[in-house]
Amino acid sequence: MDYRQAGVDVAAGRDFVQRIRGLVESTRRPEVLGGLGSFSGLFQVPTGYQEPVLVSGTDGVGTKLKLAQACDRHDTVGIDLVAMCVNDVLTCGAEPLFFLDYLATSQLNPEQLTQVVAGIADGCRQAGCALIGGETAEMPGFYQPGEYDLAGFCVGIVEKSKILDGSQVQIGDVAIGLASQGVHSNGFSLVRKILSQGHDLSDRPTLLNGKTLAEELLTPTKIYVGSVKSAQQAGWQIHGMGHITGGGLPENLPRCLGQGKSVRVNPFAWPTPPIFEWLAENGSVPSQEMFNTFNMGIGYILLIPPTQSTQIIQWFADQGMQSWAIGEVIAGRGELVWQS
């Protein structure tokens, strides 16, 4: 008896590493030391910081992976994985530096998992961070055949004096919502429950203008790093930022406020993407539950002075990013208040 008979193919693992070597190299930054295959990833702290602070974040893709595996499409969930981590790290003003992934599967399929890593590398290039390592675990008997799970880990850097921690937020600041690309990577247990009521991923609902449910739902999470860092470099005053993930606007927007502040939001200030209308209608999901579960079309929030709100919306439009003034900071106890 040997390891392969027990379900673990070491040779396939070596083949997989060779397949992804070029993908990893495509994300390289000047600060990366060494290459793929070491026991650890090495990254030199960038120069130019007086008091550099390292910022870390970790996340996964969740049950959206079930849809990717059902469709045998694996090239977008890697982008989701990176996005969920780098968007979180970005909220305190940090620049993502490097990324690591953990990939676990029942039996290593090099072709399938190379597609996953290709997505991870794509996400890293979009975020400007280096993919410096990872772990692939082959665990027969733990996952069903063809299944895999993903986790990601990101480290960023920010000047200590420039950390956004809520203290910069002022009453009267305007909440600028940046458009999402759809459902992103949250609420998929509810999505799958709705789909199980007689719907197929190949269906083309009229609301989706010719797209299949699979195409719409597997659209990856938007990575906001490039747009937001460009806005900072252009001189826009950003007092706070929030990544709208699990819990939607009600849970995530108040997280970027300082003490004694709340935020009032107009839910009609932006157009809701059609996929959310389809989910609400076909799942009989109440409006409040939709907002508590999904991003509803707003993937990221910036809190900025009211004198800059109109101009920054136009500036984002010139960069190809849709955005809307969706609310304002008010005195309160750290909650979201819906404008009637």
C-alpha atoms as a PDB file:
ATOM      1  CA  MET A   1       0.000   0.000   0.000  1.00  0.00           C
ATOM      2  CA  ASP A   2       1.216   3.519  -0.729  1.00  0.00           C
ATOM      3  CA  TYR A   3       0.059   7.137  -0.393  1.00  0.00           C
ATOM      4  CA  ARG A   4      -1.513   7.185  -3.853  1.00  0.00           C
ATOM      5  CA  GLN A   5      -3.641   4.144  -3.031  1.00  0.00           C
ATOM      6  CA  ALA A   6      -4.790   6.042   0.060  1.00  0.00           C
ATOM      7  CA  GLY A   7      -6.027   8.835  -2.218  1.00  0.00           C
ATOM      8  CA  VAL A   8      -3.162  11.335  -2.234  1.00  0.00           C
ATOM      9  CA  ASP A   9      -1.255  11.771  -5.517  1.00  0.00           C
ATOM     10  CA  VAL A  10       2.088  13.450  -4.782  1.00  0.00           C
ATOM     11  CA  ALA A  11       3.022  13.431  -8.484  1.00  0.00           C
ATOM     12  CA  ALA A  12      -0.152  15.346  -9.350  1.00  0.00           C
ATOM     13  CA  GLY A  13       0.821  17.854  -6.679  1.00  0.00           C
ATOM     14  CA  ARG A  14       4.201  18.441  -8.318  1.00  0.00           C
ATOM     15  CA  ASP A  15       2.498  18.824 -11.714  1.00  0.00           C
ATOM     16  CA  PHE A  16       0.115  21.376 -10.202  1.00  0.00           C
ATOM     17  CA  VAL A  17       2.982  23.466  -8.814  1.00  0.00           C
ATOM     18  CA  GLN A  18       4.612  23.569 -12.236  1.00  0.00           C
ATOM     19  CA  ARG A  19       1.335  24.627 -13.855  1.00  0.00           C
ATOM     20  CA  ILE A  20       0.870  27.599 -11.532  1.00  0.00           C
ATOM     21  CA  ARG A  21       4.487  28.787 -11.419  1.00  0.00           C
ATOM     22  CA  GLY A  22       3.992  31.319 -14.231  1.00  0.00           C
ATOM     23  CA  LEU A  23       0.724  32.558 -12.706  1.00  0.00           C
ATOM     24  CA  VAL A  24       2.440  33.256  -9.399  1.00  0.00           C
ATOM     25  CA  GLU A  25       5.346  34.991 -11.118  1.00  0.00           C
ATOM     26  CA  SER A  26       2.909  37.295 -12.952  1.00  0.00           C
ATOM     27  CA  THR A  27       1.964  38.905  -9.615  1.00  0.00           C
ATOM     28  CA  ARG A  28       5.527  39.580  -8.467  1.00  0.00           C
ATOM     29  CA  ARG A  29       6.411  42.922  -6.852  1.00  0.00           C
ATOM     30  CA  PRO A  30       9.970  44.275  -6.393  1.00  0.00           C
ATOM     31  CA  GLU A  31       9.816  43.565  -2.648  1.00  0.00           C
ATOM     32  CA  VAL A  32       9.350  39.804  -3.139  1.00  0.00           C
ATOM     33  CA  LEU A  33      12.410  37.764  -2.152  1.00  0.00           C
ATOM     34  CA  GLY A  34      12.840  34.212  -3.371  1.00  0.00           C
ATOM     35  CA  GLY A  35      10.388  32.226  -5.429  1.00  0.00           C
ATOM     36  CA  LEU A  36       7.736  29.532  -5.391  1.00  0.00           C
ATOM     37  CA  GLY A  37       8.617  26.329  -3.572  1.00  0.00           C
ATOM     38  CA  SER A  38      10.142  27.579  -0.325  1.00  0.00           C
ATOM     39  CA  PHE A  39       8.731  26.741   3.080  1.00  0.00           C
ATOM     40  CA  SER A  40       7.691  30.374   3.512  1.00  0.00           C
ATOM     41  CA  GLY A  41       7.201  33.518   1.466  1.00  0.00           C
ATOM     42  CA  LEU A  42       9.575  36.439   1.930  1.00  0.00           C
ATOM     43  CA  PHE A  43       8.605  40.066   1.409  1.00  0.00           C
ATOM     44  CA  GLN A  44      10.735  43.114   2.157  1.00  0.00           C
ATOM     45  CA  VAL A  45       8.934  46.063   3.784  1.00  0.00           C
ATOM     46  CA  PRO A  46       8.648  48.874   1.201  1.00  0.00           C
ATOM     47  CA  THR A  47      10.693  52.018   1.732  1.00  0.00           C
ATOM     48  CA  GLY A  48       9.300  55.507   2.234  1.00  0.00           C
ATOM     49  CA  TYR A  49       7.356  54.921   5.442  1.00  0.00           C
ATOM     50  CA  GLN A  50       8.146  56.738   8.709  1.00  0.00           C
ATOM     51  CA  GLU A  51       6.033  54.481  10.944  1.00  0.00           C
ATOM     52  CA  PRO A  52       4.839  51.558   8.822  1.00  0.00           C
ATOM     53  CA  VAL A  53       1.981  49.505  10.223  1.00  0.00           C
ATOM     54  CA  LEU A  54       1.192  46.074   8.804  1.00  0.00           C
ATOM     55  CA  VAL A  55      -2.481  45.279   8.270  1.00  0.00           C
ATOM     56  CA  SER A  56      -3.805  41.730   7.872  1.00  0.00           C
ATOM     57  CA  GLY A  57      -7.040  40.195   6.663  1.00  0.00           C
ATOM     58  CA  THR A  58      -8.410  36.739   5.941  1.00  0.00           C
ATOM     59  CA  ASP A  59     -11.599  35.435   4.326  1.00  0.00           C
ATOM     60  CA  GLY A  60     -13.062  32.794   2.047  1.00  0.00           C
ATOM     61  CA  VAL A  61     -15.566  32.537  -0.784  1.00  0.00           C
ATOM     62  CA  GLY A  62     -18.289  30.601   1.075  1.00  0.00           C
ATOM     63  CA  THR A  63     -20.964  28.500  -0.573  1.00  0.00           C
ATOM     64  CA  LYS A  64     -20.612  30.385  -3.850  1.00  0.00           C
ATOM     65  CA  LEU A  65     -18.065  27.625  -4.472  1.00  0.00           C
ATOM     66  CA  LYS A  66     -20.970  25.169  -4.738  1.00  0.00           C
ATOM     67  CA  LEU A  67     -22.259  27.053  -7.774  1.00  0.00           C
ATOM     68  CA  ALA A  68     -18.817  27.193  -9.393  1.00  0.00           C
ATOM     69  CA  GLN A  69     -18.402  23.453  -8.926  1.00  0.00           C
ATOM     70  CA  ALA A  70     -21.924  22.722 -10.199  1.00  0.00           C
ATOM     71  CA  CYS A  71     -21.151  24.745 -13.360  1.00  0.00           C
ATOM     72  CA  ASP A  72     -17.599  23.389 -13.660  1.00  0.00           C
ATOM     73  CA  ARG A  73     -16.405  26.988 -13.924  1.00  0.00           C
ATOM     74  CA  HIS A  74     -13.481  27.814 -11.661  1.00  0.00           C
ATOM     75  CA  ASP A  75     -11.832  30.921 -13.150  1.00  0.00           C
ATOM     76  CA  THR A  76     -13.740  33.575 -11.159  1.00  0.00           C
ATOM     77  CA  VAL A  77     -13.847  32.324  -7.560  1.00  0.00           C
ATOM     78  CA  GLY A  78     -10.132  33.043  -7.148  1.00  0.00           C
ATOM     79  CA  ILE A  79     -10.873  36.708  -7.870  1.00  0.00           C
ATOM     80  CA  ASP A  80     -13.599  36.543  -5.223  1.00  0.00           C
ATOM     81  CA  LEU A  81     -11.095  35.162  -2.732  1.00  0.00           C
ATOM     82  CA  VAL A  82      -8.620  37.990  -3.261  1.00  0.00           C
ATOM     83  CA  ALA A  83     -11.341  40.653  -3.332  1.00  0.00           C
ATOM     84  CA  MET A  84     -12.839  39.622  -0.011  1.00  0.00           C
ATOM     85  CA  CYS A  85      -9.460  40.042   1.675  1.00  0.00           C
ATOM     86  CA  VAL A  86      -7.934  43.076  -0.061  1.00  0.00           C
ATOM     87  CA  ASN A  87     -11.141  45.132   0.117  1.00  0.00           C
ATOM     88  CA  ASP A  88     -11.195  44.594   3.889  1.00  0.00           C
ATOM     89  CA  VAL A  89      -7.538  45.583   4.290  1.00  0.00           C
ATOM     90  CA  LEU A  90      -8.145  48.676   2.147  1.00  0.00           C
ATOM     91  CA  THR A  91     -10.766  50.094   4.545  1.00  0.00           C
ATOM     92  CA  CYS A  92      -8.176  51.408   7.021  1.00  0.00           C
ATOM     93  CA  GLY A  93      -6.246  53.100   4.199  1.00  0.00           C
ATOM     94  CA  ALA A  94      -3.730  50.310   3.662  1.00  0.00           C
ATOM     95  CA  GLU A  95      -2.115  49.206   0.418  1.00  0.00           C
ATOM     96  CA  PRO A  96      -2.277  45.406  -0.053  1.00  0.00           C
ATOM     97  CA  LEU A  97       1.256  43.993  -0.331  1.00  0.00           C
ATOM     98  CA  PHE A  98       1.059  40.234  -0.565  1.00  0.00           C
ATOM     99  CA  PHE A  99      -1.396  37.365  -0.551  1.00  0.00           C
ATOM    100  CA  LEU A 100      -1.384  33.684   0.365  1.00  0.00           C
ATOM    101  CA  ASP A 101      -4.043  31.082  -0.335  1.00  0.00           C
ATOM    102  CA  TYR A 102      -5.138  27.796   1.219  1.00  0.00           C
ATOM    103  CA  LEU A 103      -6.794  25.332  -1.136  1.00  0.00           C
ATOM    104  CA  ALA A 104      -8.232  22.032   0.118  1.00  0.00           C
ATOM    105  CA  THR A 105      -9.761  19.313  -2.027  1.00  0.00           C
ATOM    106  CA  SER A 106     -10.727  15.654  -1.964  1.00  0.00           C
ATOM    107  CA  GLN A 107      -8.452  14.703  -4.867  1.00  0.00           C
ATOM    108  CA  LEU A 108      -6.104  17.046  -6.657  1.00  0.00           C
ATOM    109  CA  ASN A 109      -7.254  17.862 -10.166  1.00  0.00           C
ATOM    110  CA  PRO A 110      -4.427  19.975 -11.639  1.00  0.00           C
ATOM    111  CA  GLU A 111      -6.501  21.368 -14.522  1.00  0.00           C
ATOM    112  CA  GLN A 112      -9.415  22.391 -12.287  1.00  0.00           C
ATOM    113  CA  LEU A 113      -7.278  23.947  -9.585  1.00  0.00           C
ATOM    114  CA  THR A 114      -5.025  25.731 -12.067  1.00  0.00           C
ATOM    115  CA  GLN A 115      -8.142  27.634 -13.151  1.00  0.00           C
ATOM    116  CA  VAL A 116      -8.727  28.577  -9.507  1.00  0.00           C
ATOM    117  CA  VAL A 117      -5.162  29.826  -9.075  1.00  0.00           C
ATOM    118  CA  ALA A 118      -5.404  31.713 -12.381  1.00  0.00           C
ATOM    119  CA  GLY A 119      -8.302  33.637 -10.815  1.00  0.00           C
ATOM    120  CA  ILE A 120      -6.300  34.265  -7.650  1.00  0.00           C
ATOM    121  CA  ALA A 121      -3.402  35.605  -9.722  1.00  0.00           C
ATOM    122  CA  ASP A 122      -5.802  37.797 -11.714  1.00  0.00           C
ATOM    123  CA  GLY A 123      -7.197  39.221  -8.468  1.00  0.00           C
ATOM    124  CA  CYS A 124      -3.714  39.879  -7.123  1.00  0.00           C
ATOM    125  CA  ARG A 125      -2.736  41.755 -10.278  1.00  0.00           C
ATOM    126  CA  GLN A 126      -5.908  43.857 -10.016  1.00  0.00           C
ATOM    127  CA  ALA A 127      -5.085  44.673  -6.379  1.00  0.00           C
ATOM    128  CA  GLY A 128      -1.378  45.241  -7.044  1.00  0.00           C
ATOM    129  CA  CYS A 129      -0.304  42.634  -4.497  1.00  0.00           C
ATOM    130  CA  ALA A 130       2.022  39.668  -4.888  1.00  0.00           C
ATOM    131  CA  LEU A 131       0.952  36.045  -4.556  1.00  0.00           C
ATOM    132  CA  ILE A 132       3.923  34.787  -2.558  1.00  0.00           C
ATOM    133  CA  GLY A 133       2.793  31.362  -1.401  1.00  0.00           C
ATOM    134  CA  GLY A 134       0.013  29.045  -0.410  1.00  0.00           C
ATOM    135  CA  GLU A 135      -0.946  25.536   0.606  1.00  0.00           C
ATOM    136  CA  THR A 136      -2.751  22.852  -1.350  1.00  0.00           C
ATOM    137  CA  ALA A 137      -4.193  20.093   0.841  1.00  0.00           C
ATOM    138  CA  GLU A 138      -5.417  16.836  -0.664  1.00  0.00           C
ATOM    139  CA  MET A 139      -7.860  15.319   1.826  1.00  0.00           C
ATOM    140  CA  PRO A 140      -9.635  12.194   0.516  1.00  0.00           C
ATOM    141  CA  GLY A 141     -12.723  11.303   2.495  1.00  0.00           C
ATOM    142  CA  PHE A 142     -13.062  14.814   3.909  1.00  0.00           C
ATOM    143  CA  TYR A 143     -14.547  16.466   0.809  1.00  0.00           C
ATOM    144  CA  GLN A 144     -16.791  14.954  -1.852  1.00  0.00           C
ATOM    145  CA  PRO A 145     -15.143  14.153  -5.235  1.00  0.00           C
ATOM    146  CA  GLY A 146     -14.716  17.333  -7.279  1.00  0.00           C
ATOM    147  CA  GLU A 147     -15.189  19.607  -4.276  1.00  0.00           C
ATOM    148  CA  TYR A 148     -12.662  22.119  -2.986  1.00  0.00           C
ATOM    149  CA  ASP A 149     -12.580  24.934  -0.453  1.00  0.00           C
ATOM    150  CA  LEU A 150     -10.620  28.191  -0.434  1.00  0.00           C
ATOM    151  CA  ALA A 151      -9.248  30.571   2.170  1.00  0.00           C
ATOM    152  CA  GLY A 152      -7.125  33.666   1.592  1.00  0.00           C
ATOM    153  CA  PHE A 153      -4.749  35.767   3.655  1.00  0.00           C
ATOM    154  CA  CYS A 154      -3.624  39.302   2.820  1.00  0.00           C
ATOM    155  CA  VAL A 155      -1.076  41.645   4.395  1.00  0.00           C
ATOM    156  CA  GLY A 156      -1.008  45.361   3.629  1.00  0.00           C
ATOM    157  CA  ILE A 157       0.807  48.433   4.886  1.00  0.00           C
ATOM    158  CA  VAL A 158      -0.206  51.939   5.963  1.00  0.00           C
ATOM    159  CA  GLU A 159       1.541  54.925   7.505  1.00  0.00           C
ATOM    160  CA  LYS A 160       0.520  55.031  11.173  1.00  0.00           C
ATOM    161  CA  SER A 161      -0.533  58.688  10.972  1.00  0.00           C
ATOM    162  CA  LYS A 162      -2.811  57.904   8.011  1.00  0.00           C
ATOM    163  CA  ILE A 163      -4.761  54.978   9.491  1.00  0.00           C
ATOM    164  CA  LEU A 164      -8.523  55.431   9.059  1.00  0.00           C
ATOM    165  CA  ASP A 165     -10.058  54.341  12.362  1.00  0.00           C
ATOM    166  CA  GLY A 166     -13.334  56.286  12.503  1.00  0.00           C
ATOM    167  CA  SER A 167     -11.909  59.264  14.378  1.00  0.00           C
ATOM    168  CA  GLN A 168     -11.605  61.281  11.149  1.00  0.00           C
ATOM    169  CA  VAL A 169     -15.322  60.945  10.321  1.00  0.00           C
ATOM    170  CA  GLN A 170     -17.321  64.153  10.791  1.00  0.00           C
ATOM    171  CA  ILE A 171     -21.042  64.773  11.189  1.00  0.00           C
ATOM    172  CA  GLY A 172     -22.237  65.941   7.791  1.00  0.00           C
ATOM    173  CA  ASP A 173     -19.842  63.721   5.822  1.00  0.00           C
ATOM    174  CA  VAL A 174     -21.463  62.208   2.746  1.00  0.00           C
ATOM    175  CA  ALA A 175     -21.571  58.442   2.164  1.00  0.00           C
ATOM    176  CA  ILE A 176     -20.493  57.734  -1.409  1.00  0.00           C
ATOM    177  CA  GLY A 177     -21.501  54.254  -2.532  1.00  0.00           C
ATOM    178  CA  LEU A 178     -19.385  52.523  -5.188  1.00  0.00           C
ATOM    179  CA  ALA A 179     -21.245  50.106  -7.438  1.00  0.00           C
ATOM    180  CA  SER A 180     -21.011  46.383  -6.848  1.00  0.00           C
ATOM    181  CA  GLN A 181     -20.829  43.818  -9.657  1.00  0.00           C
ATOM    182  CA  GLY A 182     -23.819  41.900  -8.351  1.00  0.00           C
ATOM    183  CA  VAL A 183     -24.129  39.497  -5.436  1.00  0.00           C
ATOM    184  CA  HIS A 184     -20.334  39.322  -4.880  1.00  0.00           C
ATOM    185  CA  SER A 185     -19.574  36.567  -2.315  1.00  0.00           C
ATOM    186  CA  ASN A 186     -22.172  36.884   0.426  1.00  0.00           C
ATOM    187  CA  GLY A 187     -25.621  35.424   0.958  1.00  0.00           C
ATOM    188  CA  PHE A 188     -25.139  32.372  -1.247  1.00  0.00           C
ATOM    189  CA  SER A 189     -26.768  29.990   1.217  1.00  0.00           C
ATOM    190  CA  LEU A 190     -29.967  31.993   0.649  1.00  0.00           C
ATOM    191  CA  VAL A 191     -29.266  32.177  -3.104  1.00  0.00           C
ATOM    192  CA  ARG A 192     -28.912  28.391  -3.259  1.00  0.00           C
ATOM    193  CA  LYS A 193     -32.104  27.931  -1.233  1.00  0.00           C
ATOM    194  CA  ILE A 194     -33.986  30.077  -3.745  1.00  0.00           C
ATOM    195  CA  LEU A 195     -32.437  28.211  -6.677  1.00  0.00           C
ATOM    196  CA  SER A 196     -33.544  24.904  -5.171  1.00  0.00           C
ATOM    197  CA  GLN A 197     -37.198  25.943  -5.632  1.00  0.00           C
ATOM    198  CA  GLY A 198     -37.278  24.675  -9.223  1.00  0.00           C
ATOM    199  CA  HIS A 199     -34.721  26.969 -10.870  1.00  0.00           C
ATOM    200  CA  ASP A 200     -31.746  25.959 -12.985  1.00  0.00           C
ATOM    201  CA  LEU A 201     -28.429  27.780 -13.344  1.00  0.00           C
ATOM    202  CA  SER A 202     -28.869  27.700 -17.127  1.00  0.00           C
ATOM    203  CA  ASP A 203     -32.163  29.640 -16.893  1.00  0.00           C
ATOM    204  CA  ARG A 204     -32.244  33.061 -18.579  1.00  0.00           C
ATOM    205  CA  PRO A 205     -34.715  35.220 -16.618  1.00  0.00           C
ATOM    206  CA  THR A 206     -36.088  38.195 -18.528  1.00  0.00           C
ATOM    207  CA  LEU A 207     -34.778  40.504 -15.804  1.00  0.00           C
ATOM    208  CA  LEU A 208     -31.182  39.517 -16.592  1.00  0.00           C
ATOM    209  CA  ASN A 209     -31.289  40.649 -20.238  1.00  0.00           C
ATOM    210  CA  GLY A 210     -30.108  37.398 -21.786  1.00  0.00           C
ATOM    211  CA  LYS A 211     -27.658  36.329 -19.085  1.00  0.00           C
ATOM    212  CA  THR A 212     -27.996  32.925 -17.457  1.00  0.00           C
ATOM    213  CA  LEU A 213     -28.306  32.721 -13.695  1.00  0.00           C
ATOM    214  CA  ALA A 214     -24.862  31.075 -13.636  1.00  0.00           C
ATOM    215  CA  GLU A 215     -23.241  33.932 -15.564  1.00  0.00           C
ATOM    216  CA  GLU A 216     -24.805  36.524 -13.281  1.00  0.00           C
ATOM    217  CA  LEU A 217     -24.191  34.765  -9.972  1.00  0.00           C
ATOM    218  CA  LEU A 218     -20.588  33.789 -10.765  1.00  0.00           C
ATOM    219  CA  THR A 219     -19.622  37.380 -11.625  1.00  0.00           C
ATOM    220  CA  PRO A 220     -16.691  37.966  -9.245  1.00  0.00           C
ATOM    221  CA  THR A 221     -16.505  40.425  -6.380  1.00  0.00           C
ATOM    222  CA  LYS A 222     -15.318  43.865  -7.452  1.00  0.00           C
ATOM    223  CA  ILE A 223     -11.796  44.777  -6.309  1.00  0.00           C
ATOM    224  CA  TYR A 224     -11.831  48.436  -5.246  1.00  0.00           C
ATOM    225  CA  VAL A 225      -8.133  48.881  -4.471  1.00  0.00           C
ATOM    226  CA  GLY A 226      -7.114  50.587  -7.718  1.00  0.00           C
ATOM    227  CA  SER A 227     -10.014  53.049  -7.775  1.00  0.00           C
ATOM    228  CA  VAL A 228      -9.753  53.997  -4.099  1.00  0.00           C
ATOM    229  CA  LYS A 229      -5.952  54.351  -4.027  1.00  0.00           C
ATOM    230  CA  SER A 230      -6.166  56.505  -7.170  1.00  0.00           C
ATOM    231  CA  ALA A 231      -8.743  58.707  -5.437  1.00  0.00           C
ATOM    232  CA  GLN A 232      -6.446  59.131  -2.440  1.00  0.00           C
ATOM    233  CA  GLN A 233      -3.498  59.961  -4.677  1.00  0.00           C
ATOM    234  CA  ALA A 234      -5.657  62.512  -6.535  1.00  0.00           C
ATOM    235  CA  GLY A 235      -6.140  64.372  -3.258  1.00  0.00           C
ATOM    236  CA  TRP A 236      -9.742  63.518  -2.369  1.00  0.00           C
ATOM    237  CA  GLN A 237     -10.323  63.661   1.394  1.00  0.00           C
ATOM    238  CA  ILE A 238     -11.538  60.247   2.520  1.00  0.00           C
ATOM    239  CA  HIS A 239     -12.517  60.171   6.203  1.00  0.00           C
ATOM    240  CA  GLY A 240     -13.732  56.575   6.355  1.00  0.00           C
ATOM    241  CA  MET A 241     -14.293  53.462   4.261  1.00  0.00           C
ATOM    242  CA  GLY A 242     -16.443  50.358   4.502  1.00  0.00           C
ATOM    243  CA  HIS A 243     -16.555  47.084   2.577  1.00  0.00           C
ATOM    244  CA  ILE A 244     -20.166  45.929   2.181  1.00  0.00           C
ATOM    245  CA  THR A 245     -20.084  42.177   2.721  1.00  0.00           C
ATOM    246  CA  GLY A 246     -22.086  39.801   4.942  1.00  0.00           C
ATOM    247  CA  GLY A 247     -24.762  41.739   6.809  1.00  0.00           C
ATOM    248  CA  GLY A 248     -25.122  44.281   4.017  1.00  0.00           C
ATOM    249  CA  LEU A 249     -25.237  48.019   4.572  1.00  0.00           C
ATOM    250  CA  PRO A 250     -26.900  47.846   8.036  1.00  0.00           C
ATOM    251  CA  GLU A 251     -24.048  45.846   9.550  1.00  0.00           C
ATOM    252  CA  ASN A 252     -21.011  47.094   7.635  1.00  0.00           C
ATOM    253  CA  LEU A 253     -21.531  50.816   7.085  1.00  0.00           C
ATOM    254  CA  PRO A 254     -21.639  51.701  10.827  1.00  0.00           C
ATOM    255  CA  ARG A 255     -18.299  49.893  11.336  1.00  0.00           C
ATOM    256  CA  CYS A 256     -16.374  52.810   9.828  1.00  0.00           C
ATOM    257  CA  LEU A 257     -17.931  55.484  12.064  1.00  0.00           C
ATOM    258  CA  GLY A 258     -16.391  57.034  15.170  1.00  0.00           C
ATOM    259  CA  GLN A 259     -18.198  57.283  18.506  1.00  0.00           C
ATOM    260  CA  GLY A 260     -21.325  59.410  18.731  1.00  0.00           C
ATOM    261  CA  LYS A 261     -22.168  59.060  15.041  1.00  0.00           C
ATOM    262  CA  SER A 262     -24.687  57.213  12.917  1.00  0.00           C
ATOM    263  CA  VAL A 263     -25.417  57.300   9.217  1.00  0.00           C
ATOM    264  CA  ARG A 264     -28.702  58.034   7.472  1.00  0.00           C
ATOM    265  CA  VAL A 265     -29.120  56.258   4.137  1.00  0.00           C
ATOM    266  CA  ASN A 266     -31.629  56.804   1.329  1.00  0.00           C
ATOM    267  CA  PRO A 267     -32.329  53.303  -0.106  1.00  0.00           C
ATOM    268  CA  PHE A 268     -33.670  54.863  -3.330  1.00  0.00           C
ATOM    269  CA  ALA A 269     -30.503  56.858  -4.079  1.00  0.00           C
ATOM    270  CA  TRP A 270     -29.096  54.197  -6.420  1.00  0.00           C
ATOM    271  CA  PRO A 271     -30.512  51.640  -8.881  1.00  0.00           C
ATOM    272  CA  THR A 272     -30.764  48.095  -7.508  1.00  0.00           C
ATOM    273  CA  PRO A 273     -29.234  45.532  -9.906  1.00  0.00           C
ATOM    274  CA  PRO A 274     -31.846  43.200 -11.467  1.00  0.00           C
ATOM    275  CA  ILE A 275     -30.432  40.046  -9.837  1.00  0.00           C
ATOM    276  CA  PHE A 276     -31.582  41.277  -6.436  1.00  0.00           C
ATOM    277  CA  GLU A 277     -35.082  41.904  -7.756  1.00  0.00           C
ATOM    278  CA  TRP A 278     -35.097  38.347  -9.148  1.00  0.00           C
ATOM    279  CA  LEU A 279     -33.942  36.870  -5.820  1.00  0.00           C
ATOM    280  CA  ALA A 280     -36.487  38.848  -3.793  1.00  0.00           C
ATOM    281  CA  GLU A 281     -39.328  37.906  -6.126  1.00  0.00           C
ATOM    282  CA  ASN A 282     -38.501  34.220  -6.479  1.00  0.00           C
ATOM    283  CA  GLY A 283     -37.639  33.716  -2.840  1.00  0.00           C
ATOM    284  CA  SER A 284     -40.399  35.936  -1.433  1.00  0.00           C
ATOM    285  CA  VAL A 285     -37.647  37.667   0.535  1.00  0.00           C
ATOM    286  CA  PRO A 286     -38.764  40.807   2.437  1.00  0.00           C
ATOM    287  CA  SER A 287     -36.948  44.055   1.640  1.00  0.00           C
ATOM    288  CA  GLN A 288     -35.392  44.307   5.098  1.00  0.00           C
ATOM    289  CA  GLU A 289     -34.010  40.766   4.813  1.00  0.00           C
ATOM    290  CA  MET A 290     -32.563  41.570   1.377  1.00  0.00           C
ATOM    291  CA  PHE A 291     -30.676  44.572   2.785  1.00  0.00           C
ATOM    292  CA  ASN A 292     -29.511  42.543   5.795  1.00  0.00           C
ATOM    293  CA  THR A 293     -28.118  39.782   3.559  1.00  0.00           C
ATOM    294  CA  PHE A 294     -26.892  41.298   0.281  1.00  0.00           C
ATOM    295  CA  ASN A 295     -24.976  44.397  -0.830  1.00  0.00           C
ATOM    296  CA  MET A 296     -27.974  45.445  -2.985  1.00  0.00           C
ATOM    297  CA  GLY A 297     -25.710  47.147  -5.540  1.00  0.00           C
ATOM    298  CA  ILE A 298     -23.319  48.986  -3.202  1.00  0.00           C
ATOM    299  CA  GLY A 299     -20.023  47.151  -2.740  1.00  0.00           C
ATOM    300  CA  TYR A 300     -17.906  49.795  -1.036  1.00  0.00           C
ATOM    301  CA  ILE A 301     -18.477  53.041   0.874  1.00  0.00           C
ATOM    302  CA  LEU A 302     -16.404  56.213   1.181  1.00  0.00           C
ATOM    303  CA  LEU A 303     -17.174  58.915   3.745  1.00  0.00           C
ATOM    304  CA  ILE A 304     -16.062  62.311   2.451  1.00  0.00           C
ATOM    305  CA  PRO A 305     -16.664  66.018   3.195  1.00  0.00           C
ATOM    306  CA  PRO A 306     -19.943  67.319   1.682  1.00  0.00           C
ATOM    307  CA  THR A 307     -18.066  69.956  -0.330  1.00  0.00           C
ATOM    308  CA  GLN A 308     -16.463  67.214  -2.421  1.00  0.00           C
ATOM    309  CA  SER A 309     -19.398  64.847  -2.979  1.00  0.00           C
ATOM    310  CA  THR A 310     -20.569  66.063  -6.397  1.00  0.00           C
ATOM    311  CA  GLN A 311     -17.053  66.346  -7.794  1.00  0.00           C
ATOM    312  CA  ILE A 312     -15.868  62.937  -6.630  1.00  0.00           C
ATOM    313  CA  ILE A 313     -18.877  61.220  -8.199  1.00  0.00           C
ATOM    314  CA  GLN A 314     -17.926  62.791 -11.531  1.00  0.00           C
ATOM    315  CA  TRP A 315     -14.285  61.886 -10.940  1.00  0.00           C
ATOM    316  CA  PHE A 316     -15.209  58.235 -10.400  1.00  0.00           C
ATOM    317  CA  ALA A 317     -17.392  58.328 -13.528  1.00  0.00           C
ATOM    318  CA  ASP A 318     -14.373  59.514 -15.510  1.00  0.00           C
ATOM    319  CA  GLN A 319     -12.479  56.495 -14.151  1.00  0.00           C
ATOM    320  CA  GLY A 320     -15.266  54.134 -15.267  1.00  0.00           C
ATOM    321  CA  MET A 321     -16.681  53.596 -11.763  1.00  0.00           C
ATOM    322  CA  GLN A 322     -20.351  54.236 -10.976  1.00  0.00           C
ATOM    323  CA  SER A 323     -21.019  55.895  -7.629  1.00  0.00           C
ATOM    324  CA  TRP A 324     -23.827  57.686  -5.826  1.00  0.00           C
ATOM    325  CA  ALA A 325     -24.312  59.899  -2.766  1.00  0.00           C
ATOM    326  CA  ILE A 326     -26.445  57.540  -0.703  1.00  0.00           C
ATOM    327  CA  GLY A 327     -26.497  59.122   2.750  1.00  0.00           C
ATOM    328  CA  GLU A 328     -24.860  61.310   5.370  1.00  0.00           C
ATOM    329  CA  VAL A 329     -23.257  60.989   8.790  1.00  0.00           C
ATOM    330  CA  ILE A 330     -25.455  62.224  11.650  1.00  0.00           C
ATOM    331  CA  ALA A 331     -25.195  62.299  15.431  1.00  0.00           C
ATOM    332  CA  GLY A 332     -26.132  58.941  16.909  1.00  0.00           C
ATOM    333  CA  ARG A 333     -25.056  55.705  18.538  1.00  0.00           C
ATOM    334  CA  GLY A 334     -23.358  53.848  15.709  1.00  0.00           C
ATOM    335  CA  GLU A 335     -26.307  52.655  13.669  1.00  0.00           C
ATOM    336  CA  LEU A 336     -27.738  52.880  10.187  1.00  0.00           C
ATOM    337  CA  VAL A 337     -30.949  54.896   9.932  1.00  0.00           C
ATOM    338  CA  TRP A 338     -33.097  54.491   6.837  1.00  0.00           C
ATOM    339  CA  GLN A 339     -34.369  57.725   5.327  1.00  0.00           C
ATOM    340  CA  SER A 340     -38.122  57.583   4.829  1.00  0.00           C
END
